[in-house]
């Protein structure tokens, strides 16, 4: 359902995958495509320098954004009415448009994809993927078929890494709001 709301969240998917994996020690089953497939489908993210006001706007808008998107069937294409509602919520929270809101979300997600959920420090998406590979390889509870699929997906993701963060200040801002952003993004994946 949120696929149209936040395109290009491959980095976030990887972060959520890591968080879910670290939380229960098993591969979380997702309704979305595996991270590797999302990475292959994701368009290039337009990287921008984030501001504290933008991050606060994202946090403030989430309840209203969720209220609009919760009514939609899964994988529904947004119609004019829904887009107008999303645009209104974005504008109410300091964004010029819903497109600007999505660009900010994409940049936050790109940075979050490189955070180690255990240490809450930015280590880069490649390091996160390597950690996930090691966790999957060491998981005794995971079935052989699930392990094989997870490793294939992770190795594919490792071969097509996320672009480097162009605006290093974004890492500092996301670090400052990490707990709130991780909670917000994690809720979207459930």
N, C-alpha and C. Protein backbone atom coordinates (compact mmCIF):
# COMPACT_ATOMS: atom_id res chain seq x y z
N UNK A 1 0.81 -1.18 0.00
CA UNK A 1 0.00 0.00 0.00
C UNK A 1 0.86 1.25 0.00
N UNK A 2 1.97 1.24 0.68
CA UNK A 2 2.80 2.42 0.76
C UNK A 2 3.79 2.51 -0.41
N UNK A 3 3.71 1.57 -1.33
CA UNK A 3 4.67 1.54 -2.44
C UNK A 3 4.62 2.83 -3.23
N UNK A 4 3.45 3.40 -3.45
CA UNK A 4 3.37 4.64 -4.20
C UNK A 4 3.71 5.83 -3.32
N UNK A 5 3.57 5.69 -2.03
CA UNK A 5 3.78 6.81 -1.13
C UNK A 5 5.24 7.17 -1.00
N UNK A 6 6.06 6.19 -0.94
CA UNK A 6 7.48 6.47 -0.75
C UNK A 6 8.31 5.61 -1.69
N UNK A 7 8.37 6.02 -2.97
CA UNK A 7 9.19 5.25 -3.90
C UNK A 7 10.66 5.38 -3.54
N UNK A 8 11.42 4.46 -3.99
CA UNK A 8 12.88 4.48 -3.81
C UNK A 8 13.27 4.31 -2.35
N UNK A 9 12.64 3.41 -1.66
CA UNK A 9 12.98 3.18 -0.27
C UNK A 9 13.81 1.91 -0.10
N UNK A 10 14.59 1.61 -1.08
CA UNK A 10 15.42 0.42 -0.98
C UNK A 10 16.35 0.50 0.22
N UNK A 11 16.91 1.65 0.46
CA UNK A 11 17.80 1.80 1.60
C UNK A 11 17.04 1.57 2.90
N UNK A 12 15.85 2.09 2.97
CA UNK A 12 15.04 1.88 4.16
C UNK A 12 14.69 0.41 4.33
N UNK A 13 14.37 -0.24 3.24
CA UNK A 13 14.03 -1.66 3.33
C UNK A 13 15.19 -2.44 3.91
N UNK A 14 16.40 -2.08 3.50
CA UNK A 14 17.57 -2.76 4.05
C UNK A 14 17.71 -2.48 5.54
N UNK A 15 17.46 -1.24 5.95
CA UNK A 15 17.57 -0.90 7.37
C UNK A 15 16.51 -1.63 8.18
N UNK A 16 15.29 -1.67 7.65
CA UNK A 16 14.22 -2.37 8.35
C UNK A 16 14.49 -3.87 8.39
N UNK A 17 15.03 -4.39 7.31
CA UNK A 17 15.40 -5.80 7.26
C UNK A 17 16.41 -6.10 8.37
N UNK A 18 17.40 -5.21 8.51
CA UNK A 18 18.42 -5.40 9.54
C UNK A 18 17.82 -5.28 10.93
N UNK A 19 16.95 -4.30 11.12
CA UNK A 19 16.34 -4.10 12.43
C UNK A 19 15.47 -5.30 12.81
N UNK A 20 14.67 -5.77 11.87
CA UNK A 20 13.79 -6.91 12.15
C UNK A 20 14.63 -8.16 12.40
N UNK A 21 15.68 -8.30 11.64
CA UNK A 21 16.54 -9.47 11.78
C UNK A 21 17.25 -9.44 13.12
N UNK A 22 17.75 -8.28 13.50
CA UNK A 22 18.46 -8.16 14.77
C UNK A 22 17.50 -8.33 15.95
N UNK A 23 16.26 -7.91 15.78
CA UNK A 23 15.30 -7.95 16.87
C UNK A 23 14.90 -9.38 17.23
N UNK A 24 14.68 -10.23 16.21
CA UNK A 24 14.21 -11.56 16.56
C UNK A 24 15.11 -12.69 16.05
N UNK A 25 16.19 -12.34 15.38
CA UNK A 25 17.14 -13.35 14.95
C UNK A 25 16.67 -14.19 13.78
N UNK A 26 15.58 -13.81 13.15
CA UNK A 26 15.09 -14.56 12.01
C UNK A 26 14.72 -13.60 10.90
N UNK A 27 14.70 -14.11 9.71
CA UNK A 27 14.36 -13.30 8.55
C UNK A 27 12.90 -12.90 8.62
N UNK A 28 12.64 -11.60 8.61
CA UNK A 28 11.26 -11.11 8.65
C UNK A 28 10.64 -11.29 7.28
N UNK A 29 9.43 -11.79 7.27
CA UNK A 29 8.71 -11.93 6.02
C UNK A 29 8.05 -10.60 5.71
N UNK A 30 8.22 -10.12 4.50
CA UNK A 30 7.70 -8.82 4.12
C UNK A 30 6.69 -8.97 2.99
N UNK A 31 5.73 -8.06 2.94
CA UNK A 31 4.75 -8.06 1.87
C UNK A 31 5.33 -7.44 0.61
N UNK A 32 6.46 -6.75 0.75
CA UNK A 32 7.07 -6.07 -0.38
C UNK A 32 8.11 -6.96 -1.04
N UNK A 33 8.62 -6.50 -2.17
CA UNK A 33 9.66 -7.23 -2.87
C UNK A 33 10.91 -7.27 -2.00
N UNK A 34 11.76 -8.29 -2.16
CA UNK A 34 13.01 -8.34 -1.40
C UNK A 34 13.85 -7.10 -1.67
N UNK A 35 14.73 -6.72 -0.72
CA UNK A 35 15.53 -5.52 -0.88
C UNK A 35 16.29 -5.47 -2.20
N UNK A 36 16.82 -6.59 -2.64
CA UNK A 36 17.59 -6.59 -3.87
C UNK A 36 16.70 -6.23 -5.06
N UNK A 37 15.48 -6.74 -5.09
CA UNK A 37 14.58 -6.41 -6.18
C UNK A 37 14.16 -4.95 -6.11
N UNK A 38 13.94 -4.43 -4.90
CA UNK A 38 13.58 -3.03 -4.76
C UNK A 38 14.72 -2.15 -5.23
N UNK A 39 15.96 -2.53 -4.89
CA UNK A 39 17.10 -1.74 -5.30
C UNK A 39 17.21 -1.69 -6.82
N UNK A 40 16.93 -2.82 -7.46
CA UNK A 40 17.01 -2.87 -8.91
C UNK A 40 15.91 -2.03 -9.55
N UNK A 41 14.75 -1.91 -8.90
CA UNK A 41 13.62 -1.18 -9.45
C UNK A 41 13.65 0.30 -9.08
N UNK A 42 14.38 0.65 -8.06
CA UNK A 42 14.33 2.00 -7.53
C UNK A 42 14.98 3.02 -8.46
N UNK A 43 14.30 4.14 -8.70
CA UNK A 43 14.91 5.19 -9.50
C UNK A 43 16.00 5.88 -8.69
N UNK A 44 16.87 6.58 -9.37
CA UNK A 44 17.96 7.31 -8.72
C UNK A 44 17.38 8.36 -7.78
N UNK A 45 17.89 8.43 -6.57
CA UNK A 45 17.42 9.40 -5.58
C UNK A 45 18.07 10.75 -5.85
N UNK A 46 17.25 11.80 -5.85
CA UNK A 46 17.77 13.16 -5.97
C UNK A 46 18.24 13.58 -4.57
N UNK A 47 19.55 13.60 -4.39
CA UNK A 47 20.07 13.93 -3.06
C UNK A 47 20.06 15.43 -2.85
N UNK A 48 19.58 15.82 -1.67
CA UNK A 48 19.51 17.22 -1.27
C UNK A 48 20.05 17.35 0.14
N UNK A 49 20.53 18.54 0.50
CA UNK A 49 20.90 18.74 1.90
C UNK A 49 19.62 18.90 2.73
N UNK A 50 19.49 18.09 3.76
CA UNK A 50 18.31 18.14 4.61
C UNK A 50 18.45 19.26 5.64
N UNK A 51 17.30 19.76 6.08
CA UNK A 51 17.28 20.75 7.16
C UNK A 51 16.54 20.16 8.35
N UNK A 52 16.80 20.73 9.50
CA UNK A 52 16.11 20.27 10.69
C UNK A 52 14.60 20.50 10.55
N UNK A 53 14.22 21.59 9.92
CA UNK A 53 12.80 21.90 9.70
C UNK A 53 12.14 20.80 8.85
N UNK A 54 12.84 20.31 7.84
CA UNK A 54 12.28 19.25 6.99
C UNK A 54 12.08 17.96 7.79
N UNK A 55 13.05 17.61 8.60
CA UNK A 55 12.92 16.38 9.39
C UNK A 55 11.77 16.52 10.40
N UNK A 56 11.67 17.68 11.02
CA UNK A 56 10.57 17.91 11.95
C UNK A 56 9.23 17.87 11.20
N UNK A 57 9.21 18.38 9.96
CA UNK A 57 8.00 18.34 9.15
C UNK A 57 7.58 16.91 8.82
N UNK A 58 8.56 16.07 8.52
CA UNK A 58 8.27 14.65 8.25
C UNK A 58 7.67 14.00 9.49
N UNK A 59 8.29 14.24 10.63
CA UNK A 59 7.80 13.64 11.87
C UNK A 59 6.39 14.14 12.21
N UNK A 60 6.16 15.43 12.01
CA UNK A 60 4.86 16.02 12.33
C UNK A 60 3.76 15.56 11.37
N UNK A 61 4.11 15.29 10.15
CA UNK A 61 3.11 14.95 9.13
C UNK A 61 2.71 13.48 9.12
N UNK A 62 3.45 12.65 9.79
CA UNK A 62 3.25 11.22 9.61
C UNK A 62 1.88 10.71 9.99
N UNK A 63 1.32 11.21 11.07
CA UNK A 63 0.00 10.75 11.49
C UNK A 63 -1.04 11.06 10.40
N UNK A 64 -0.99 12.27 9.86
CA UNK A 64 -1.93 12.66 8.81
C UNK A 64 -1.67 11.91 7.51
N UNK A 65 -0.39 11.70 7.17
CA UNK A 65 -0.06 10.94 5.95
C UNK A 65 -0.59 9.51 6.07
N UNK A 66 -0.37 8.92 7.24
CA UNK A 66 -0.85 7.55 7.45
C UNK A 66 -2.37 7.46 7.38
N UNK A 67 -3.05 8.49 7.89
CA UNK A 67 -4.52 8.50 7.85
C UNK A 67 -5.02 8.49 6.40
N UNK A 68 -4.33 9.20 5.53
CA UNK A 68 -4.73 9.24 4.12
C UNK A 68 -4.43 7.90 3.44
N UNK A 69 -3.24 7.37 3.67
CA UNK A 69 -2.83 6.16 2.96
C UNK A 69 -3.43 4.89 3.54
N UNK A 70 -3.84 4.92 4.80
CA UNK A 70 -4.40 3.72 5.43
C UNK A 70 -5.70 3.26 4.77
N UNK A 71 -6.40 4.17 4.16
CA UNK A 71 -7.69 3.86 3.53
C UNK A 71 -7.53 3.21 2.15
N UNK A 72 -6.32 3.24 1.62
CA UNK A 72 -6.10 2.75 0.26
C UNK A 72 -5.86 1.24 0.24
N UNK A 73 -6.37 0.57 -0.79
CA UNK A 73 -6.04 -0.85 -0.94
C UNK A 73 -4.55 -1.00 -1.24
N UNK A 74 -4.01 -2.16 -0.92
CA UNK A 74 -2.59 -2.41 -1.16
C UNK A 74 -2.27 -2.25 -2.64
N UNK A 75 -1.14 -1.61 -2.92
CA UNK A 75 -0.63 -1.37 -4.27
C UNK A 75 -1.58 -0.55 -5.14
N UNK A 76 -2.46 0.23 -4.51
CA UNK A 76 -3.38 1.07 -5.27
C UNK A 76 -2.63 2.25 -5.87
N UNK A 77 -3.04 2.61 -7.06
CA UNK A 77 -2.49 3.81 -7.68
C UNK A 77 -3.26 5.00 -7.12
N UNK A 78 -2.56 6.05 -6.75
CA UNK A 78 -3.25 7.20 -6.16
C UNK A 78 -4.09 7.92 -7.22
N UNK A 79 -5.28 8.34 -6.80
CA UNK A 79 -6.10 9.12 -7.71
C UNK A 79 -5.92 10.60 -7.38
N UNK A 80 -6.58 11.44 -8.14
CA UNK A 80 -6.43 12.90 -7.97
C UNK A 80 -6.82 13.34 -6.54
N UNK A 81 -7.88 12.77 -6.01
CA UNK A 81 -8.36 13.15 -4.69
C UNK A 81 -7.32 12.80 -3.61
N UNK A 82 -6.77 11.60 -3.69
CA UNK A 82 -5.76 11.17 -2.72
C UNK A 82 -4.50 12.03 -2.85
N UNK A 83 -4.10 12.28 -4.07
CA UNK A 83 -2.90 13.11 -4.27
C UNK A 83 -3.12 14.52 -3.71
N UNK A 84 -4.32 15.06 -3.87
CA UNK A 84 -4.63 16.38 -3.32
C UNK A 84 -4.56 16.35 -1.79
N UNK A 85 -5.05 15.27 -1.19
CA UNK A 85 -4.98 15.15 0.27
C UNK A 85 -3.54 15.06 0.74
N UNK A 86 -2.72 14.25 0.04
CA UNK A 86 -1.31 14.11 0.42
C UNK A 86 -0.57 15.44 0.24
N UNK A 87 -0.89 16.14 -0.83
CA UNK A 87 -0.27 17.44 -1.09
C UNK A 87 -0.65 18.43 0.03
N UNK A 88 -1.91 18.40 0.45
CA UNK A 88 -2.37 19.30 1.52
C UNK A 88 -1.66 19.00 2.83
N UNK A 89 -1.48 17.73 3.15
CA UNK A 89 -0.77 17.36 4.38
C UNK A 89 0.68 17.83 4.30
N UNK A 90 1.30 17.64 3.16
CA UNK A 90 2.69 18.08 2.99
C UNK A 90 2.80 19.59 3.18
N UNK A 91 1.91 20.33 2.54
CA UNK A 91 1.95 21.80 2.65
C UNK A 91 1.68 22.26 4.08
N UNK A 92 0.77 21.60 4.76
CA UNK A 92 0.44 21.94 6.16
C UNK A 92 1.67 21.80 7.06
N UNK A 93 2.60 20.91 6.66
CA UNK A 93 3.78 20.64 7.48
C UNK A 93 5.06 21.24 6.93
N UNK A 94 4.92 22.28 6.10
CA UNK A 94 6.07 23.06 5.68
C UNK A 94 6.72 22.68 4.37
N UNK A 95 6.13 21.76 3.63
CA UNK A 95 6.70 21.37 2.34
C UNK A 95 5.98 22.11 1.22
N UNK A 96 6.68 22.37 0.13
CA UNK A 96 6.07 23.05 -1.01
C UNK A 96 5.04 22.15 -1.68
N UNK A 97 5.28 20.84 -1.63
CA UNK A 97 4.39 19.89 -2.29
C UNK A 97 4.66 18.49 -1.74
N UNK A 98 3.82 17.57 -2.16
CA UNK A 98 4.02 16.17 -1.80
C UNK A 98 5.30 15.63 -2.45
N UNK A 99 5.63 16.12 -3.63
CA UNK A 99 6.88 15.71 -4.29
C UNK A 99 8.09 16.10 -3.45
N UNK A 100 8.08 17.31 -2.89
CA UNK A 100 9.19 17.72 -2.03
C UNK A 100 9.26 16.83 -0.79
N UNK A 101 8.11 16.54 -0.21
CA UNK A 101 8.03 15.64 0.94
C UNK A 101 8.68 14.29 0.59
N UNK A 102 8.33 13.73 -0.57
CA UNK A 102 8.91 12.45 -0.99
C UNK A 102 10.42 12.54 -1.18
N UNK A 103 10.90 13.64 -1.72
CA UNK A 103 12.35 13.81 -1.89
C UNK A 103 13.05 13.81 -0.53
N UNK A 104 12.46 14.49 0.44
CA UNK A 104 13.02 14.51 1.80
C UNK A 104 12.99 13.11 2.39
N UNK A 105 11.86 12.41 2.23
CA UNK A 105 11.76 11.03 2.74
C UNK A 105 12.81 10.13 2.10
N UNK A 106 13.01 10.28 0.80
CA UNK A 106 14.01 9.47 0.10
C UNK A 106 15.41 9.72 0.67
N UNK A 107 15.73 10.98 0.96
CA UNK A 107 17.05 11.30 1.49
C UNK A 107 17.22 10.79 2.92
N UNK A 108 16.17 10.89 3.71
CA UNK A 108 16.22 10.33 5.07
C UNK A 108 16.42 8.81 4.98
N UNK A 109 15.67 8.18 4.10
CA UNK A 109 15.76 6.72 3.94
C UNK A 109 17.13 6.28 3.47
N UNK A 110 17.72 7.05 2.57
CA UNK A 110 19.05 6.73 2.07
C UNK A 110 20.05 6.71 3.22
N UNK A 111 19.97 7.70 4.09
CA UNK A 111 20.87 7.77 5.24
C UNK A 111 20.55 6.65 6.23
N UNK A 112 19.28 6.45 6.55
CA UNK A 112 18.91 5.40 7.50
C UNK A 112 19.36 4.02 7.05
N UNK A 113 19.41 3.80 5.76
CA UNK A 113 19.84 2.51 5.23
C UNK A 113 21.28 2.17 5.58
N UNK A 114 22.05 3.15 6.01
CA UNK A 114 23.43 2.92 6.39
C UNK A 114 23.67 2.90 7.88
N UNK A 115 22.58 2.93 8.67
CA UNK A 115 22.72 2.92 10.13
C UNK A 115 22.69 1.50 10.66
N UNK A 116 23.59 1.24 11.59
CA UNK A 116 23.59 -0.03 12.32
C UNK A 116 22.57 0.13 13.44
N UNK A 117 21.46 -0.63 13.40
CA UNK A 117 20.43 -0.45 14.42
C UNK A 117 20.90 -0.79 15.83
N UNK A 118 21.91 -1.61 15.96
CA UNK A 118 22.41 -1.99 17.28
C UNK A 118 23.18 -0.84 17.93
N UNK A 119 24.02 -0.18 17.15
CA UNK A 119 24.85 0.91 17.69
C UNK A 119 24.27 2.29 17.44
N UNK A 120 23.29 2.37 16.54
CA UNK A 120 22.69 3.64 16.13
C UNK A 120 23.72 4.59 15.56
N UNK A 121 24.68 4.03 14.85
CA UNK A 121 25.73 4.81 14.20
C UNK A 121 25.71 4.52 12.71
N UNK A 122 26.07 5.54 11.93
CA UNK A 122 26.12 5.38 10.48
C UNK A 122 27.39 4.62 10.10
N UNK A 123 27.21 3.51 9.39
CA UNK A 123 28.36 2.71 8.95
C UNK A 123 28.34 2.51 7.42
N UNK A 124 27.27 2.89 6.77
CA UNK A 124 27.14 2.72 5.33
C UNK A 124 26.33 1.48 4.99
N UNK A 125 25.63 1.52 3.87
CA UNK A 125 24.74 0.42 3.50
C UNK A 125 25.50 -0.86 3.19
N UNK A 126 26.71 -0.76 2.66
CA UNK A 126 27.50 -1.96 2.35
C UNK A 126 27.82 -2.73 3.63
N UNK A 127 28.21 -2.01 4.68
CA UNK A 127 28.53 -2.67 5.95
C UNK A 127 27.28 -3.33 6.54
N UNK A 128 26.13 -2.69 6.39
CA UNK A 128 24.88 -3.26 6.90
C UNK A 128 24.55 -4.55 6.16
N UNK A 129 24.71 -4.54 4.86
CA UNK A 129 24.42 -5.74 4.07
C UNK A 129 25.36 -6.87 4.47
N UNK A 130 26.63 -6.57 4.68
CA UNK A 130 27.58 -7.60 5.09
C UNK A 130 27.22 -8.16 6.47
N UNK A 131 26.74 -7.30 7.38
CA UNK A 131 26.29 -7.77 8.69
C UNK A 131 25.10 -8.71 8.54
N UNK A 132 24.19 -8.35 7.65
CA UNK A 132 23.00 -9.17 7.43
C UNK A 132 23.38 -10.53 6.85
N UNK A 133 24.35 -10.55 5.94
CA UNK A 133 24.82 -11.81 5.36
C UNK A 133 25.37 -12.71 6.46
N UNK A 134 26.18 -12.12 7.34
CA UNK A 134 26.76 -12.90 8.44
C UNK A 134 25.66 -13.43 9.38
N UNK A 135 24.65 -12.62 9.64
CA UNK A 135 23.55 -13.05 10.50
C UNK A 135 22.77 -14.20 9.87
N UNK A 136 22.49 -14.09 8.59
CA UNK A 136 21.74 -15.14 7.90
C UNK A 136 22.56 -16.43 7.89
N UNK A 137 23.84 -16.31 7.58
CA UNK A 137 24.69 -17.50 7.54
C UNK A 137 24.75 -18.20 8.89
N UNK A 138 24.69 -17.43 9.96
CA UNK A 138 24.79 -18.02 11.29
C UNK A 138 23.46 -18.41 11.92
N UNK A 139 22.37 -18.15 11.24
CA UNK A 139 21.05 -18.43 11.79
C UNK A 139 20.73 -19.92 11.69
N UNK A 140 20.54 -20.54 12.85
CA UNK A 140 20.25 -21.98 12.90
C UNK A 140 18.75 -22.26 12.76
N UNK A 141 17.91 -21.26 13.01
CA UNK A 141 16.46 -21.45 12.96
C UNK A 141 15.88 -21.29 11.56
N UNK A 142 16.59 -20.66 10.69
CA UNK A 142 16.09 -20.37 9.35
C UNK A 142 16.16 -21.62 8.48
N UNK A 143 15.11 -21.86 7.71
CA UNK A 143 15.10 -23.02 6.82
C UNK A 143 16.16 -22.83 5.73
N UNK A 144 16.61 -23.92 5.16
CA UNK A 144 17.63 -23.86 4.11
C UNK A 144 17.16 -23.05 2.91
N UNK A 145 15.90 -23.23 2.54
CA UNK A 145 15.36 -22.50 1.39
C UNK A 145 15.30 -21.00 1.67
N UNK A 146 14.83 -20.62 2.87
CA UNK A 146 14.77 -19.20 3.23
C UNK A 146 16.17 -18.60 3.30
N UNK A 147 17.10 -19.37 3.86
CA UNK A 147 18.48 -18.90 3.98
C UNK A 147 19.08 -18.68 2.59
N UNK A 148 18.85 -19.64 1.69
CA UNK A 148 19.39 -19.52 0.33
C UNK A 148 18.82 -18.28 -0.37
N UNK A 149 17.50 -18.06 -0.23
CA UNK A 149 16.86 -16.90 -0.87
C UNK A 149 17.37 -15.59 -0.26
N UNK A 150 17.46 -15.55 1.06
CA UNK A 150 17.93 -14.34 1.74
C UNK A 150 19.36 -14.01 1.33
N UNK A 151 20.21 -15.02 1.28
CA UNK A 151 21.60 -14.78 0.87
C UNK A 151 21.69 -14.33 -0.58
N UNK A 152 20.87 -14.89 -1.44
CA UNK A 152 20.86 -14.46 -2.84
C UNK A 152 20.44 -13.00 -2.94
N UNK A 153 19.39 -12.64 -2.21
CA UNK A 153 18.92 -11.25 -2.23
C UNK A 153 19.98 -10.29 -1.68
N UNK A 154 20.59 -10.67 -0.57
CA UNK A 154 21.60 -9.81 0.04
C UNK A 154 22.85 -9.68 -0.84
N UNK A 155 23.27 -10.76 -1.46
CA UNK A 155 24.43 -10.69 -2.34
C UNK A 155 24.14 -9.84 -3.57
N UNK A 156 22.92 -9.90 -4.07
CA UNK A 156 22.53 -9.04 -5.19
C UNK A 156 22.56 -7.58 -4.75
N UNK A 157 22.03 -7.30 -3.56
CA UNK A 157 22.04 -5.94 -3.03
C UNK A 157 23.48 -5.45 -2.84
N UNK A 158 24.35 -6.34 -2.42
CA UNK A 158 25.75 -5.97 -2.21
C UNK A 158 26.43 -5.59 -3.52
N UNK A 159 26.00 -6.21 -4.62
CA UNK A 159 26.59 -5.92 -5.93
C UNK A 159 26.09 -4.60 -6.51
N UNK A 160 24.96 -4.10 -6.01
CA UNK A 160 24.43 -2.82 -6.49
C UNK A 160 24.20 -1.91 -5.29
N UNK A 161 25.30 -1.41 -4.71
CA UNK A 161 25.18 -0.63 -3.48
C UNK A 161 24.47 0.70 -3.71
N UNK A 162 23.99 1.24 -2.62
CA UNK A 162 23.36 2.56 -2.65
C UNK A 162 24.42 3.59 -3.02
N UNK A 163 23.99 4.71 -3.61
CA UNK A 163 24.97 5.76 -3.92
C UNK A 163 25.53 6.34 -2.62
N UNK A 164 26.74 6.87 -2.68
CA UNK A 164 27.30 7.48 -1.46
C UNK A 164 26.48 8.71 -1.07
N UNK A 165 26.48 9.01 0.21
CA UNK A 165 25.76 10.19 0.71
C UNK A 165 26.54 11.42 0.26
N UNK A 166 25.90 12.26 -0.54
CA UNK A 166 26.55 13.46 -1.06
C UNK A 166 26.60 14.57 -0.02
N UNK A 167 25.60 14.64 0.82
CA UNK A 167 25.49 15.70 1.82
C UNK A 167 25.75 15.12 3.20
N UNK A 168 27.00 15.18 3.63
CA UNK A 168 27.40 14.54 4.89
C UNK A 168 26.66 15.11 6.10
N UNK A 169 26.19 16.35 6.01
CA UNK A 169 25.41 16.94 7.10
C UNK A 169 24.11 16.19 7.34
N UNK A 170 23.61 15.49 6.30
CA UNK A 170 22.38 14.71 6.45
C UNK A 170 22.57 13.59 7.48
N UNK A 171 23.77 13.04 7.53
CA UNK A 171 24.05 11.97 8.49
C UNK A 171 23.91 12.50 9.92
N UNK A 172 24.45 13.70 10.17
CA UNK A 172 24.36 14.30 11.50
C UNK A 172 22.90 14.57 11.89
N UNK A 173 22.11 15.10 10.95
CA UNK A 173 20.71 15.38 11.25
C UNK A 173 19.91 14.11 11.51
N UNK A 174 20.13 13.10 10.70
CA UNK A 174 19.40 11.84 10.90
C UNK A 174 19.85 11.20 12.21
N UNK A 175 21.12 11.31 12.54
CA UNK A 175 21.61 10.78 13.82
C UNK A 175 20.87 11.46 14.98
N UNK A 176 20.70 12.76 14.90
CA UNK A 176 20.04 13.52 15.96
C UNK A 176 18.61 13.02 16.18
N UNK A 177 17.93 12.65 15.10
CA UNK A 177 16.53 12.22 15.17
C UNK A 177 16.39 10.72 14.92
N UNK A 178 17.46 9.96 15.07
CA UNK A 178 17.46 8.55 14.68
C UNK A 178 16.31 7.76 15.31
N UNK A 179 16.15 7.84 16.62
CA UNK A 179 15.14 7.02 17.29
C UNK A 179 13.74 7.30 16.74
N UNK A 180 13.39 8.57 16.60
CA UNK A 180 12.06 8.94 16.09
C UNK A 180 11.90 8.51 14.63
N UNK A 181 12.93 8.71 13.82
CA UNK A 181 12.85 8.35 12.40
C UNK A 181 12.80 6.84 12.22
N UNK A 182 13.60 6.13 12.98
CA UNK A 182 13.60 4.66 12.85
C UNK A 182 12.25 4.10 13.27
N UNK A 183 11.66 4.65 14.31
CA UNK A 183 10.34 4.21 14.73
C UNK A 183 9.30 4.52 13.65
N UNK A 184 9.35 5.71 13.12
CA UNK A 184 8.43 6.12 12.07
C UNK A 184 8.56 5.22 10.84
N UNK A 185 9.77 4.99 10.39
CA UNK A 185 10.01 4.18 9.20
C UNK A 185 9.69 2.72 9.46
N UNK A 186 10.00 2.25 10.64
CA UNK A 186 9.68 0.86 10.97
C UNK A 186 8.20 0.60 10.98
N UNK A 187 7.42 1.58 11.45
CA UNK A 187 5.96 1.45 11.46
C UNK A 187 5.41 1.33 10.05
N UNK A 188 6.04 1.98 9.07
CA UNK A 188 5.55 1.92 7.70
C UNK A 188 5.73 0.55 7.10
N UNK A 189 6.66 -0.23 7.63
CA UNK A 189 6.93 -1.52 7.03
C UNK A 189 6.05 -2.63 7.58
N UNK A 190 5.28 -2.35 8.61
CA UNK A 190 4.43 -3.37 9.20
C UNK A 190 3.14 -3.51 8.46
